[in-house]
Amino acid sequence: MRCSVLCLPQHHLYAAGKAKFVRRLDYLTSPGYLGGADERRLAGLPDGGPAAVVSTMGIFRFDLHSREMYLSGFYPELTAEQLLENMEFSVDVSRAAELPAPDGWELEILRTECDPQGLIL
């Protein structure tokens, strides 16, 4: 995976694109839920894992039972289909809804606290 990533506690912020959401990783730095369901426990990892993946096109969450990533929301002026076109693999989009545009205060927090170096936003 060739990308700049900003990791927040239990959240990961990515610039969207096929180079970011790939079928197979070049290397793995954070194991997440691995293959899903019980695999973290079977691998001897502690409970936990990511709560969300935030990209520049939408927000992904993880199913509570299968631990598979799904699209929970996409940003205004985009569709779930457009987001999938920027990924090398498919995810469930049946729960996806258009998200409200961030307001000025939210944009300020994103730019100054989450990505102050402007690597992603």
PDB file of N, CA and C in Angstrom:
ATOM      1  N   MET A   1       0.864  -1.176   0.000  1.00  0.00           N
ATOM      2  CA  MET A   1       0.000   0.000   0.000  1.00  0.00           C
ATOM      3  C   MET A   1       0.900   1.226   0.000  1.00  0.00           C
ATOM      4  N   ARG A   2       0.802   2.031  -1.003  1.00  0.00           N
ATOM      5  CA  ARG A   2       1.642   3.203  -1.129  1.00  0.00           C
ATOM      6  C   ARG A   2       0.794   4.441  -0.854  1.00  0.00           C
ATOM      7  N   CYS A   3       0.834   4.935   0.372  1.00  0.00           N
ATOM      8  CA  CYS A   3       0.019   6.119   0.669  1.00  0.00           C
ATOM      9  C   CYS A   3       0.480   6.780   1.956  1.00  0.00           C
ATOM     10  N   SER A   4       0.119   8.034   2.089  1.00  0.00           N
ATOM     11  CA  SER A   4       0.307   8.742   3.345  1.00  0.00           C
ATOM     12  C   SER A   4      -0.950   8.539   4.159  1.00  0.00           C
ATOM     13  N   VAL A   5      -0.808   8.151   5.387  1.00  0.00           N
ATOM     14  CA  VAL A   5      -1.961   7.841   6.219  1.00  0.00           C
ATOM     15  C   VAL A   5      -1.829   8.582   7.535  1.00  0.00           C
ATOM     16  N   LEU A   6      -2.905   9.170   7.962  1.00  0.00           N
ATOM     17  CA  LEU A   6      -2.962   9.795   9.271  1.00  0.00           C
ATOM     18  C   LEU A   6      -3.771   8.869  10.159  1.00  0.00           C
ATOM     19  N   CYS A   7      -3.163   8.322  11.195  1.00  0.00           N
ATOM     20  CA  CYS A   7      -3.857   7.393  12.081  1.00  0.00           C
ATOM     21  C   CYS A   7      -4.297   8.118  13.346  1.00  0.00           C
ATOM     22  N   LEU A   8      -5.561   8.072  13.600  1.00  0.00           N
ATOM     23  CA  LEU A   8      -6.132   8.610  14.821  1.00  0.00           C
ATOM     24  C   LEU A   8      -6.500   7.417  15.689  1.00  0.00           C
ATOM     25  N   PRO A   9      -6.688   7.572  17.001  1.00  0.00           N
ATOM     26  CA  PRO A   9      -7.029   6.420  17.823  1.00  0.00           C
ATOM     27  C   PRO A   9      -8.244   5.684  17.262  1.00  0.00           C
ATOM     28  N   GLN A  10      -8.021   4.467  16.829  1.00  0.00           N
ATOM     29  CA  GLN A  10      -9.060   3.588  16.302  1.00  0.00           C
ATOM     30  C   GLN A  10      -9.725   4.118  15.037  1.00  0.00           C
ATOM     31  N   HIS A  11      -9.180   5.144  14.424  1.00  0.00           N
ATOM     32  CA  HIS A  11      -9.687   5.678  13.159  1.00  0.00           C
ATOM     33  C   HIS A  11      -8.498   5.858  12.223  1.00  0.00           C
ATOM     34  N   HIS A  12      -8.723   5.692  10.955  1.00  0.00           N
ATOM     35  CA  HIS A  12      -7.664   5.875   9.970  1.00  0.00           C
ATOM     36  C   HIS A  12      -8.178   6.813   8.892  1.00  0.00           C
ATOM     37  N   LEU A  13      -7.388   7.807   8.527  1.00  0.00           N
ATOM     38  CA  LEU A  13      -7.763   8.817   7.542  1.00  0.00           C
ATOM     39  C   LEU A  13      -6.935   8.595   6.281  1.00  0.00           C
ATOM     40  N   TYR A  14      -7.600   8.408   5.145  1.00  0.00           N
ATOM     41  CA  TYR A  14      -6.937   8.116   3.882  1.00  0.00           C
ATOM     42  C   TYR A  14      -7.398   9.068   2.794  1.00  0.00           C
ATOM     43  N   ALA A  15      -6.485   9.381   1.878  1.00  0.00           N
ATOM     44  CA  ALA A  15      -6.885   9.995   0.618  1.00  0.00           C
ATOM     45  C   ALA A  15      -7.426   8.858  -0.237  1.00  0.00           C
ATOM     46  N   ALA A  16      -8.582   9.041  -0.845  1.00  0.00           N
ATOM     47  CA  ALA A  16      -9.219   7.966  -1.604  1.00  0.00           C
ATOM     48  C   ALA A  16      -8.478   7.716  -2.908  1.00  0.00           C
ATOM     49  N   GLY A  17      -8.616   6.508  -3.413  1.00  0.00           N
ATOM     50  CA  GLY A  17      -8.049   6.163  -4.708  1.00  0.00           C
ATOM     51  C   GLY A  17      -7.651   4.701  -4.751  1.00  0.00           C
ATOM     52  N   LYS A  18      -7.558   4.155  -5.970  1.00  0.00           N
ATOM     53  CA  LYS A  18      -7.233   2.734  -6.124  1.00  0.00           C
ATOM     54  C   LYS A  18      -5.875   2.378  -5.542  1.00  0.00           C
ATOM     55  N   ALA A  19      -4.953   3.321  -5.493  1.00  0.00           N
ATOM     56  CA  ALA A  19      -3.646   3.045  -4.897  1.00  0.00           C
ATOM     57  C   ALA A  19      -3.746   2.913  -3.382  1.00  0.00           C
ATOM     58  N   LYS A  20      -4.844   3.363  -2.784  1.00  0.00           N
ATOM     59  CA  LYS A  20      -5.019   3.305  -1.331  1.00  0.00           C
ATOM     60  C   LYS A  20      -5.852   2.100  -0.904  1.00  0.00           C
ATOM     61  N   PHE A  21      -6.904   1.796  -1.649  1.00  0.00           N
ATOM     62  CA  PHE A  21      -7.790   0.682  -1.324  1.00  0.00           C
ATOM     63  C   PHE A  21      -7.490  -0.453  -2.294  1.00  0.00           C
ATOM     64  N   VAL A  22      -6.443  -1.221  -1.974  1.00  0.00           N
ATOM     65  CA  VAL A  22      -5.932  -2.255  -2.867  1.00  0.00           C
ATOM     66  C   VAL A  22      -6.383  -3.646  -2.423  1.00  0.00           C
ATOM     67  N   ARG A  23      -6.361  -4.587  -3.367  1.00  0.00           N
ATOM     68  CA  ARG A  23      -6.729  -5.982  -3.050  1.00  0.00           C
ATOM     69  C   ARG A  23      -5.701  -6.634  -2.137  1.00  0.00           C
ATOM     70  N   ARG A  24      -4.441  -6.366  -2.396  1.00  0.00           N
ATOM     71  CA  ARG A  24      -3.365  -6.997  -1.637  1.00  0.00           C
ATOM     72  C   ARG A  24      -2.366  -5.926  -1.208  1.00  0.00           C
ATOM     73  N   LEU A  25      -2.017  -5.939   0.078  1.00  0.00           N
ATOM     74  CA  LEU A  25      -1.086  -4.961   0.628  1.00  0.00           C
ATOM     75  C   LEU A  25       0.356  -5.339   0.332  1.00  0.00           C
ATOM     76  N   ASP A  26       1.185  -4.327   0.123  1.00  0.00           N
ATOM     77  CA  ASP A  26       2.626  -4.558   0.011  1.00  0.00           C
ATOM     78  C   ASP A  26       3.199  -4.907   1.385  1.00  0.00           C
ATOM     79  N   TYR A  27       2.652  -4.289   2.430  1.00  0.00           N
ATOM     80  CA  TYR A  27       3.055  -4.557   3.807  1.00  0.00           C
ATOM     81  C   TYR A  27       1.888  -4.170   4.718  1.00  0.00           C
ATOM     82  N   LEU A  28       1.874  -4.718   5.909  1.00  0.00           N
ATOM     83  CA  LEU A  28       0.797  -4.487   6.863  1.00  0.00           C
ATOM     84  C   LEU A  28       1.382  -3.864   8.119  1.00  0.00           C
ATOM     85  N   THR A  29       0.919  -2.673   8.467  1.00  0.00           N
ATOM     86  CA  THR A  29       1.430  -2.010   9.663  1.00  0.00           C
ATOM     87  C   THR A  29       0.473  -2.117  10.836  1.00  0.00           C
ATOM     88  N   SER A  30      -0.817  -2.223  10.579  1.00  0.00           N
ATOM     89  CA  SER A  30      -1.834  -2.337  11.613  1.00  0.00           C
ATOM     90  C   SER A  30      -2.792  -3.441  11.202  1.00  0.00           C
ATOM     91  N   PRO A  31      -2.900  -4.509  11.968  1.00  0.00           N
ATOM     92  CA  PRO A  31      -3.649  -5.672  11.497  1.00  0.00           C
ATOM     93  C   PRO A  31      -5.165  -5.522  11.401  1.00  0.00           C
ATOM     94  N   GLY A  32      -5.766  -4.524  11.993  1.00  0.00           N
ATOM     95  CA  GLY A  32      -7.226  -4.390  11.873  1.00  0.00           C
ATOM     96  C   GLY A  32      -7.942  -5.663  12.286  1.00  0.00           C
ATOM     97  N   TYR A  33      -8.897  -6.109  11.465  1.00  0.00           N
ATOM     98  CA  TYR A  33      -9.654  -7.326  11.769  1.00  0.00           C
ATOM     99  C   TYR A  33      -9.191  -8.512  10.945  1.00  0.00           C
ATOM    100  N   LEU A  34      -8.070  -8.356  10.223  1.00  0.00           N
ATOM    101  CA  LEU A  34      -7.504  -9.424   9.394  1.00  0.00           C
ATOM    102  C   LEU A  34      -8.581  -9.948   8.443  1.00  0.00           C
ATOM    103  N   GLY A  35      -8.932 -11.217   8.521  1.00  0.00           N
ATOM    104  CA  GLY A  35      -9.950 -11.782   7.625  1.00  0.00           C
ATOM    105  C   GLY A  35     -11.359 -11.659   8.149  1.00  0.00           C
ATOM    106  N   GLY A  36     -11.535 -11.024   9.302  1.00  0.00           N
ATOM    107  CA  GLY A  36     -12.875 -10.831   9.854  1.00  0.00           C
ATOM    108  C   GLY A  36     -13.146 -11.670  11.085  1.00  0.00           C
ATOM    109  N   ALA A  37     -14.371 -11.559  11.556  1.00  0.00           N
ATOM    110  CA  ALA A  37     -14.910 -12.292  12.706  1.00  0.00           C
ATOM    111  C   ALA A  37     -13.907 -12.451  13.846  1.00  0.00           C
ATOM    112  N   ASP A  38     -13.421 -13.654  14.066  1.00  0.00           N
ATOM    113  CA  ASP A  38     -12.597 -14.012  15.228  1.00  0.00           C
ATOM    114  C   ASP A  38     -11.092 -13.983  14.969  1.00  0.00           C
ATOM    115  N   GLU A  39     -10.664 -13.535  13.814  1.00  0.00           N
ATOM    116  CA  GLU A  39      -9.261 -13.704  13.431  1.00  0.00           C
ATOM    117  C   GLU A  39      -8.272 -12.944  14.303  1.00  0.00           C
ATOM    118  N   ARG A  40      -8.663 -11.805  14.869  1.00  0.00           N
ATOM    119  CA  ARG A  40      -7.741 -11.102  15.778  1.00  0.00           C
ATOM    120  C   ARG A  40      -7.427 -11.982  16.988  1.00  0.00           C
ATOM    121  N   ARG A  41      -8.454 -12.548  17.577  1.00  0.00           N
ATOM    122  CA  ARG A  41      -8.277 -13.406  18.752  1.00  0.00           C
ATOM    123  C   ARG A  41      -7.448 -14.635  18.387  1.00  0.00           C
ATOM    124  N   LEU A  42      -7.765 -15.266  17.255  1.00  0.00           N
ATOM    125  CA  LEU A  42      -7.034 -16.461  16.827  1.00  0.00           C
ATOM    126  C   LEU A  42      -5.566 -16.167  16.545  1.00  0.00           C
ATOM    127  N   ALA A  43      -5.263 -14.928  16.162  1.00  0.00           N
ATOM    128  CA  ALA A  43      -3.870 -14.528  15.909  1.00  0.00           C
ATOM    129  C   ALA A  43      -3.159 -14.099  17.185  1.00  0.00           C
ATOM    130  N   GLY A  44      -3.872 -14.129  18.335  1.00  0.00           N
ATOM    131  CA  GLY A  44      -3.260 -13.743  19.597  1.00  0.00           C
ATOM    132  C   GLY A  44      -3.218 -12.253  19.828  1.00  0.00           C
ATOM    133  N   LEU A  45      -3.993 -11.498  19.061  1.00  0.00           N
ATOM    134  CA  LEU A  45      -4.018 -10.042  19.219  1.00  0.00           C
ATOM    135  C   LEU A  45      -5.057  -9.640  20.254  1.00  0.00           C
ATOM    136  N   PRO A  46      -4.867  -8.505  20.909  1.00  0.00           N
ATOM    137  CA  PRO A  46      -5.845  -8.048  21.904  1.00  0.00           C
ATOM    138  C   PRO A  46      -7.154  -7.626  21.237  1.00  0.00           C
ATOM    139  N   ASP A  47      -8.204  -7.552  22.045  1.00  0.00           N
ATOM    140  CA  ASP A  47      -9.484  -7.055  21.551  1.00  0.00           C
ATOM    141  C   ASP A  47      -9.288  -5.669  20.973  1.00  0.00           C
ATOM    142  N   GLY A  48     -10.169  -5.284  20.126  1.00  0.00           N
ATOM    143  CA  GLY A  48     -10.084  -3.955  19.536  1.00  0.00           C
ATOM    144  C   GLY A  48     -10.095  -4.042  18.033  1.00  0.00           C
ATOM    145  N   GLY A  49      -9.459  -3.078  17.434  1.00  0.00           N
ATOM    146  CA  GLY A  49      -9.449  -2.982  15.986  1.00  0.00           C
ATOM    147  C   GLY A  49     -10.010  -1.635  15.588  1.00  0.00           C
ATOM    148  N   PRO A  50      -9.997  -1.342  14.309  1.00  0.00           N
ATOM    149  CA  PRO A  50     -10.444  -0.023  13.863  1.00  0.00           C
ATOM    150  C   PRO A  50     -11.948   0.178  14.051  1.00  0.00           C
ATOM    151  N   ALA A  51     -12.334   1.402  14.348  1.00  0.00           N
ATOM    152  CA  ALA A  51     -13.752   1.762  14.433  1.00  0.00           C
ATOM    153  C   ALA A  51     -14.236   2.281  13.095  1.00  0.00           C
ATOM    154  N   ALA A  52     -13.347   2.956  12.354  1.00  0.00           N
ATOM    155  CA  ALA A  52     -13.743   3.548  11.078  1.00  0.00           C
ATOM    156  C   ALA A  52     -12.516   3.812  10.223  1.00  0.00           C
ATOM    157  N   VAL A  53     -12.740   3.875   8.929  1.00  0.00           N
ATOM    158  CA  VAL A  53     -11.741   4.348   7.969  1.00  0.00           C
ATOM    159  C   VAL A  53     -12.380   5.553   7.302  1.00  0.00           C
ATOM    160  N   VAL A  54     -11.723   6.684   7.431  1.00  0.00           N
ATOM    161  CA  VAL A  54     -12.244   7.927   6.874  1.00  0.00           C
ATOM    162  C   VAL A  54     -11.402   8.266   5.650  1.00  0.00           C
ATOM    163  N   SER A  55     -12.049   8.339   4.488  1.00  0.00           N
ATOM    164  CA  SER A  55     -11.327   8.704   3.269  1.00  0.00           C
ATOM    165  C   SER A  55     -11.806  10.074   2.814  1.00  0.00           C
ATOM    166  N   THR A  56     -11.189  10.584   1.787  1.00  0.00           N
ATOM    167  CA  THR A  56     -11.591  11.875   1.247  1.00  0.00           C
ATOM    168  C   THR A  56     -12.885  11.778   0.446  1.00  0.00           C
ATOM    169  N   MET A  57     -13.421  10.561   0.307  1.00  0.00           N
ATOM    170  CA  MET A  57     -14.680  10.378  -0.426  1.00  0.00           C
ATOM    171  C   MET A  57     -15.815   9.842   0.447  1.00  0.00           C
ATOM    172  N   GLY A  58     -15.490   9.235   1.584  1.00  0.00           N
ATOM    173  CA  GLY A  58     -16.540   8.665   2.422  1.00  0.00           C
ATOM    174  C   GLY A  58     -16.001   8.060   3.698  1.00  0.00           C
ATOM    175  N   ILE A  59     -16.906   7.450   4.457  1.00  0.00           N
ATOM    176  CA  ILE A  59     -16.569   6.829   5.737  1.00  0.00           C
ATOM    177  C   ILE A  59     -16.960   5.360   5.688  1.00  0.00           C
ATOM    178  N   PHE A  60     -16.022   4.511   6.102  1.00  0.00           N
ATOM    179  CA  PHE A  60     -16.244   3.075   6.162  1.00  0.00           C
ATOM    180  C   PHE A  60     -16.284   2.662   7.624  1.00  0.00           C
ATOM    181  N   ARG A  61     -17.119   1.712   7.934  1.00  0.00           N
ATOM    182  CA  ARG A  61     -17.191   1.142   9.282  1.00  0.00           C
ATOM    183  C   ARG A  61     -17.070  -0.372   9.152  1.00  0.00           C
ATOM    184  N   PHE A  62     -17.129  -1.062  10.288  1.00  0.00           N
ATOM    185  CA  PHE A  62     -16.959  -2.507  10.304  1.00  0.00           C
ATOM    186  C   PHE A  62     -18.168  -3.164  10.940  1.00  0.00           C
ATOM    187  N   ASP A  63     -18.694  -4.202  10.271  1.00  0.00           N
ATOM    188  CA  ASP A  63     -19.844  -4.930  10.776  1.00  0.00           C
ATOM    189  C   ASP A  63     -19.499  -5.540  12.136  1.00  0.00           C
ATOM    190  N   LEU A  64     -20.402  -5.429  13.084  1.00  0.00           N
ATOM    191  CA  LEU A  64     -20.140  -5.904  14.444  1.00  0.00           C
ATOM    192  C   LEU A  64     -19.939  -7.409  14.533  1.00  0.00           C
ATOM    193  N   HIS A  65     -20.515  -8.172  13.622  1.00  0.00           N
ATOM    194  CA  HIS A  65     -20.407  -9.630  13.700  1.00  0.00           C
ATOM    195  C   HIS A  65     -19.341 -10.186  12.756  1.00  0.00           C
ATOM    196  N   SER A  66     -19.400  -9.819  11.488  1.00  0.00           N
ATOM    197  CA  SER A  66     -18.447 -10.364  10.514  1.00  0.00           C
ATOM    198  C   SER A  66     -17.124  -9.600  10.517  1.00  0.00           C
ATOM    199  N   ARG A  67     -17.126  -8.359  11.002  1.00  0.00           N
ATOM    200  CA  ARG A  67     -15.974  -7.456  11.010  1.00  0.00           C
ATOM    201  C   ARG A  67     -15.556  -7.042   9.594  1.00  0.00           C
ATOM    202  N   GLU A  68     -16.415  -7.277   8.615  1.00  0.00           N
ATOM    203  CA  GLU A  68     -16.115  -6.832   7.260  1.00  0.00           C
ATOM    204  C   GLU A  68     -16.376  -5.334   7.140  1.00  0.00           C
ATOM    205  N   MET A  69     -15.509  -4.665   6.375  1.00  0.00           N
ATOM    206  CA  MET A  69     -15.659  -3.237   6.160  1.00  0.00           C
ATOM    207  C   MET A  69     -16.829  -2.999   5.205  1.00  0.00           C
ATOM    208  N   TYR A  70     -17.615  -1.956   5.495  1.00  0.00           N
ATOM    209  CA  TYR A  70     -18.704  -1.550   4.608  1.00  0.00           C
ATOM    210  C   TYR A  70     -18.712  -0.032   4.508  1.00  0.00           C
ATOM    211  N   LEU A  71     -19.303   0.466   3.444  1.00  0.00           N
ATOM    212  CA  LEU A  71     -19.425   1.909   3.270  1.00  0.00           C
ATOM    213  C   LEU A  71     -20.615   2.385   4.078  1.00  0.00           C
ATOM    214  N   SER A  72     -20.369   3.279   5.029  1.00  0.00           N
ATOM    215  CA  SER A  72     -21.483   3.795   5.830  1.00  0.00           C
ATOM    216  C   SER A  72     -21.970   5.135   5.311  1.00  0.00           C
ATOM    217  N   GLY A  73     -21.100   5.902   4.663  1.00  0.00           N
ATOM    218  CA  GLY A  73     -21.534   7.191   4.140  1.00  0.00           C
ATOM    219  C   GLY A  73     -20.571   7.742   3.113  1.00  0.00           C
ATOM    220  N   PHE A  74     -21.099   8.550   2.214  1.00  0.00           N
ATOM    221  CA  PHE A  74     -20.283   9.187   1.183  1.00  0.00           C
ATOM    222  C   PHE A  74     -20.586  10.674   1.199  1.00  0.00           C
ATOM    223  N   TYR A  75     -19.608  11.461   0.756  1.00  0.00           N
ATOM    224  CA  TYR A  75     -19.715  12.904   0.835  1.00  0.00           C
ATOM    225  C   TYR A  75     -20.591  13.478  -0.282  1.00  0.00           C
ATOM    226  N   PRO A  76     -21.142  14.660  -0.068  1.00  0.00           N
ATOM    227  CA  PRO A  76     -22.020  15.279  -1.066  1.00  0.00           C
ATOM    228  C   PRO A  76     -21.363  15.353  -2.444  1.00  0.00           C
ATOM    229  N   GLU A  77     -22.211  15.294  -3.442  1.00  0.00           N
ATOM    230  CA  GLU A  77     -21.819  15.356  -4.853  1.00  0.00           C
ATOM    231  C   GLU A  77     -21.121  14.091  -5.328  1.00  0.00           C
ATOM    232  N   LEU A  78     -21.118  13.036  -4.510  1.00  0.00           N
ATOM    233  CA  LEU A  78     -20.583  11.733  -4.899  1.00  0.00           C
ATOM    234  C   LEU A  78     -21.679  10.687  -4.765  1.00  0.00           C
ATOM    235  N   THR A  79     -21.443   9.531  -5.342  1.00  0.00           N
ATOM    236  CA  THR A  79     -22.340   8.396  -5.153  1.00  0.00           C
ATOM    237  C   THR A  79     -21.527   7.233  -4.611  1.00  0.00           C
ATOM    238  N   ALA A  80     -22.208   6.249  -4.062  1.00  0.00           N
ATOM    239  CA  ALA A  80     -21.521   5.050  -3.589  1.00  0.00           C
ATOM    240  C   ALA A  80     -20.797   4.375  -4.748  1.00  0.00           C
ATOM    241  N   GLU A  81     -21.408   4.382  -5.918  1.00  0.00           N
ATOM    242  CA  GLU A  81     -20.802   3.756  -7.093  1.00  0.00           C
ATOM    243  C   GLU A  81     -19.496   4.457  -7.487  1.00  0.00           C
ATOM    244  N   GLN A  82     -19.467   5.780  -7.411  1.00  0.00           N
ATOM    245  CA  GLN A  82     -18.229   6.511  -7.729  1.00  0.00           C
ATOM    246  C   GLN A  82     -17.128   6.151  -6.737  1.00  0.00           C
ATOM    247  N   LEU A  83     -17.492   5.988  -5.489  1.00  0.00           N
ATOM    248  CA  LEU A  83     -16.502   5.615  -4.493  1.00  0.00           C
ATOM    249  C   LEU A  83     -15.949   4.221  -4.791  1.00  0.00           C
ATOM    250  N   LEU A  84     -16.830   3.273  -5.132  1.00  0.00           N
ATOM    251  CA  LEU A  84     -16.378   1.922  -5.460  1.00  0.00           C
ATOM    252  C   LEU A  84     -15.458   1.911  -6.676  1.00  0.00           C
ATOM    253  N   GLU A  85     -15.677   2.810  -7.621  1.00  0.00           N
ATOM    254  CA  GLU A  85     -14.811   2.897  -8.804  1.00  0.00           C
ATOM    255  C   GLU A  85     -13.385   3.287  -8.422  1.00  0.00           C
ATOM    256  N   ASN A  86     -13.205   3.850  -7.239  1.00  0.00           N
ATOM    257  CA  ASN A  86     -11.883   4.259  -6.769  1.00  0.00           C
ATOM    258  C   ASN A  86     -11.270   3.243  -5.810  1.00  0.00           C
ATOM    259  N   MET A  87     -11.786   2.025  -5.851  1.00  0.00           N
ATOM    260  CA  MET A  87     -11.277   0.953  -5.006  1.00  0.00           C
ATOM    261  C   MET A  87     -10.975  -0.258  -5.881  1.00  0.00           C
ATOM    262  N   GLU A  88     -10.002  -1.080  -5.477  1.00  0.00           N
ATOM    263  CA  GLU A  88      -9.700  -2.307  -6.210  1.00  0.00           C
ATOM    264  C   GLU A  88     -10.559  -3.476  -5.751  1.00  0.00           C
ATOM    265  N   PHE A  89     -11.395  -3.276  -4.755  1.00  0.00           N
ATOM    266  CA  PHE A  89     -12.260  -4.338  -4.260  1.00  0.00           C
ATOM    267  C   PHE A  89     -13.615  -3.734  -3.913  1.00  0.00           C
ATOM    268  N   SER A  90     -14.606  -4.586  -3.772  1.00  0.00           N
ATOM    269  CA  SER A  90     -15.958  -4.119  -3.461  1.00  0.00           C
ATOM    270  C   SER A  90     -16.252  -4.256  -1.979  1.00  0.00           C
ATOM    271  N   VAL A  91     -17.108  -3.399  -1.493  1.00  0.00           N
ATOM    272  CA  VAL A  91     -17.626  -3.485  -0.132  1.00  0.00           C
ATOM    273  C   VAL A  91     -19.137  -3.321  -0.198  1.00  0.00           C
ATOM    274  N   ASP A  92     -19.802  -3.716   0.840  1.00  0.00           N
ATOM    275  CA  ASP A  92     -21.250  -3.553   0.943  1.00  0.00           C
ATOM    276  C   ASP A  92     -21.576  -2.065   0.975  1.00  0.00           C
ATOM    277  N   VAL A  93     -22.482  -1.623   0.115  1.00  0.00           N
ATOM    278  CA  VAL A  93     -22.907  -0.220   0.100  1.00  0.00           C
ATOM    279  C   VAL A  93     -24.376  -0.079   0.486  1.00  0.00           C
ATOM    280  N   SER A  94     -25.007  -1.184   0.884  1.00  0.00           N
ATOM    281  CA  SER A  94     -26.450  -1.151   1.165  1.00  0.00           C
ATOM    282  C   SER A  94     -26.804  -0.271   2.359  1.00  0.00           C
ATOM    283  N   ARG A  95     -25.848  -0.008   3.244  1.00  0.00           N
ATOM    284  CA  ARG A  95     -26.109   0.832   4.421  1.00  0.00           C
ATOM    285  C   ARG A  95     -25.630   2.265   4.224  1.00  0.00           C
ATOM    286  N   ALA A  96     -25.103   2.557   3.047  1.00  0.00           N
ATOM    287  CA  ALA A  96     -24.501   3.869   2.793  1.00  0.00           C
ATOM    288  C   ALA A  96     -25.557   4.945   2.575  1.00  0.00           C
ATOM    289  N   ALA A  97     -25.263   6.111   3.094  1.00  0.00           N
ATOM    290  CA  ALA A  97     -26.129   7.277   2.910  1.00  0.00           C
ATOM    291  C   ALA A  97     -25.249   8.490   2.653  1.00  0.00           C
ATOM    292  N   GLU A  98     -25.808   9.471   1.972  1.00  0.00           N
ATOM    293  CA  GLU A  98     -25.052  10.704   1.751  1.00  0.00           C
ATOM    294  C   GLU A  98     -24.854  11.401   3.082  1.00  0.00           C
ATOM    295  N   LEU A  99     -23.642  11.842   3.327  1.00  0.00           N
ATOM    296  CA  LEU A  99     -23.299  12.556   4.555  1.00  0.00           C
ATOM    297  C   LEU A  99     -23.488  14.053   4.358  1.00  0.00           C
ATOM    298  N   PRO A 100     -23.764  14.775   5.417  1.00  0.00           N
ATOM    299  CA  PRO A 100     -23.821  16.241   5.276  1.00  0.00           C
ATOM    300  C   PRO A 100     -22.422  16.792   5.027  1.00  0.00           C
ATOM    301  N   ALA A 101     -22.355  17.881   4.304  1.00  0.00           N
ATOM    302  CA  ALA A 101     -21.072  18.531   4.076  1.00  0.00           C
ATOM    303  C   ALA A 101     -20.540  19.056   5.410  1.00  0.00           C
ATOM    304  N   PRO A 102     -19.226  18.979   5.630  1.00  0.00           N
ATOM    305  CA  PRO A 102     -18.673  19.500   6.883  1.00  0.00           C
ATOM    306  C   PRO A 102     -18.851  21.016   6.954  1.00  0.00           C
ATOM    307  N   ASP A 103     -19.131  21.489   8.154  1.00  0.00           N
ATOM    308  CA  ASP A 103     -19.274  22.937   8.320  1.00  0.00           C
ATOM    309  C   ASP A 103     -17.887  23.556   8.547  1.00  0.00           C
ATOM    310  N   GLY A 104     -17.831  24.842   8.674  1.00  0.00           N
ATOM    311  CA  GLY A 104     -16.563  25.551   8.827  1.00  0.00           C
ATOM    312  C   GLY A 104     -15.757  25.092  10.025  1.00  0.00           C
ATOM    313  N   TRP A 105     -16.421  24.857  11.158  1.00  0.00           N
ATOM    314  CA  TRP A 105     -15.744  24.416  12.371  1.00  0.00           C
ATOM    315  C   TRP A 105     -15.136  23.029  12.167  1.00  0.00           C
ATOM    316  N   GLU A 106     -15.887  22.115  11.540  1.00  0.00           N
ATOM    317  CA  GLU A 106     -15.385  20.765  11.293  1.00  0.00           C
ATOM    318  C   GLU A 106     -14.195  20.788  10.336  1.00  0.00           C
ATOM    319  N   LEU A 107     -14.277  21.602   9.296  1.00  0.00           N
ATOM    320  CA  LEU A 107     -13.151  21.724   8.370  1.00  0.00           C
ATOM    321  C   LEU A 107     -11.905  22.260   9.075  1.00  0.00           C
ATOM    322  N   GLU A 108     -12.103  23.217   9.957  1.00  0.00           N
ATOM    323  CA  GLU A 108     -10.978  23.772  10.711  1.00  0.00           C
ATOM    324  C   GLU A 108     -10.307  22.694  11.564  1.00  0.00           C
ATOM    325  N   ILE A 109     -11.095  21.880  12.260  1.00  0.00           N
ATOM    326  CA  ILE A 109     -10.556  20.787  13.083  1.00  0.00           C
ATOM    327  C   ILE A 109      -9.806  19.791  12.208  1.00  0.00           C
ATOM    328  N   LEU A 110     -10.409  19.410  11.076  1.00  0.00           N
ATOM    329  CA  LEU A 110      -9.750  18.463  10.177  1.00  0.00           C
ATOM    330  C   LEU A 110      -8.409  19.004   9.696  1.00  0.00           C
ATOM    331  N   ARG A 111      -8.381  20.261   9.330  1.00  0.00           N
ATOM    332  CA  ARG A 111      -7.164  20.844   8.764  1.00  0.00           C
ATOM    333  C   ARG A 111      -6.097  21.167   9.805  1.00  0.00           C
ATOM    334  N   THR A 112      -6.505  21.550  11.008  1.00  0.00           N
ATOM    335  CA  THR A 112      -5.513  21.965  12.015  1.00  0.00           C
ATOM    336  C   THR A 112      -5.150  20.853  12.993  1.00  0.00           C
ATOM    337  N   GLU A 113      -6.081  19.971  13.306  1.00  0.00           N
ATOM    338  CA  GLU A 113      -5.827  18.920  14.294  1.00  0.00           C
ATOM    339  C   GLU A 113      -5.550  17.551  13.662  1.00  0.00           C
ATOM    340  N   CYS A 114      -6.295  17.188  12.630  1.00  0.00           N
ATOM    341  CA  CYS A 114      -6.169  15.856  12.031  1.00  0.00           C
ATOM    342  C   CYS A 114      -5.098  15.790  10.958  1.00  0.00           C
ATOM    343  N   ASP A 115      -4.937  16.852  10.198  1.00  0.00           N
ATOM    344  CA  ASP A 115      -3.982  16.851   9.086  1.00  0.00           C
ATOM    345  C   ASP A 115      -3.299  18.216   8.961  1.00  0.00           C
ATOM    346  N   PRO A 116      -2.584  18.644  10.022  1.00  0.00           N
ATOM    347  CA  PRO A 116      -1.986  19.988  10.009  1.00  0.00           C
ATOM    348  C   PRO A 116      -0.921  20.182   8.919  1.00  0.00           C
ATOM    349  N   GLN A 117      -0.328  19.119   8.436  1.00  0.00           N
ATOM    350  CA  GLN A 117       0.702  19.237   7.398  1.00  0.00           C
ATOM    351  C   GLN A 117       0.102  19.217   5.981  1.00  0.00           C
ATOM    352  N   GLY A 118      -1.224  19.033   5.904  1.00  0.00           N
ATOM    353  CA  GLY A 118      -1.873  19.005   4.601  1.00  0.00           C
ATOM    354  C   GLY A 118      -1.492  17.836   3.725  1.00  0.00           C
ATOM    355  N   LEU A 119      -1.207  16.696   4.337  1.00  0.00           N
ATOM    356  CA  LEU A 119      -0.819  15.515   3.580  1.00  0.00           C
ATOM    357  C   LEU A 119      -1.999  14.861   2.869  1.00  0.00           C
ATOM    358  N   ILE A 120      -3.191  14.978   3.449  1.00  0.00           N
ATOM    359  CA  ILE A 120      -4.347  14.271   2.915  1.00  0.00           C
ATOM    360  C   ILE A 120      -5.447  15.229   2.487  1.00  0.00           C
ATOM    361  N   LEU A 121      -5.698  16.232   3.289  1.00  0.00           N
ATOM    362  CA  LEU A 121      -6.811  17.150   2.989  1.00  0.00           C
ATOM    363  C   LEU A 121      -6.360  18.336   2.164  1.00  0.00           C
TER     364      LEU A 121
END
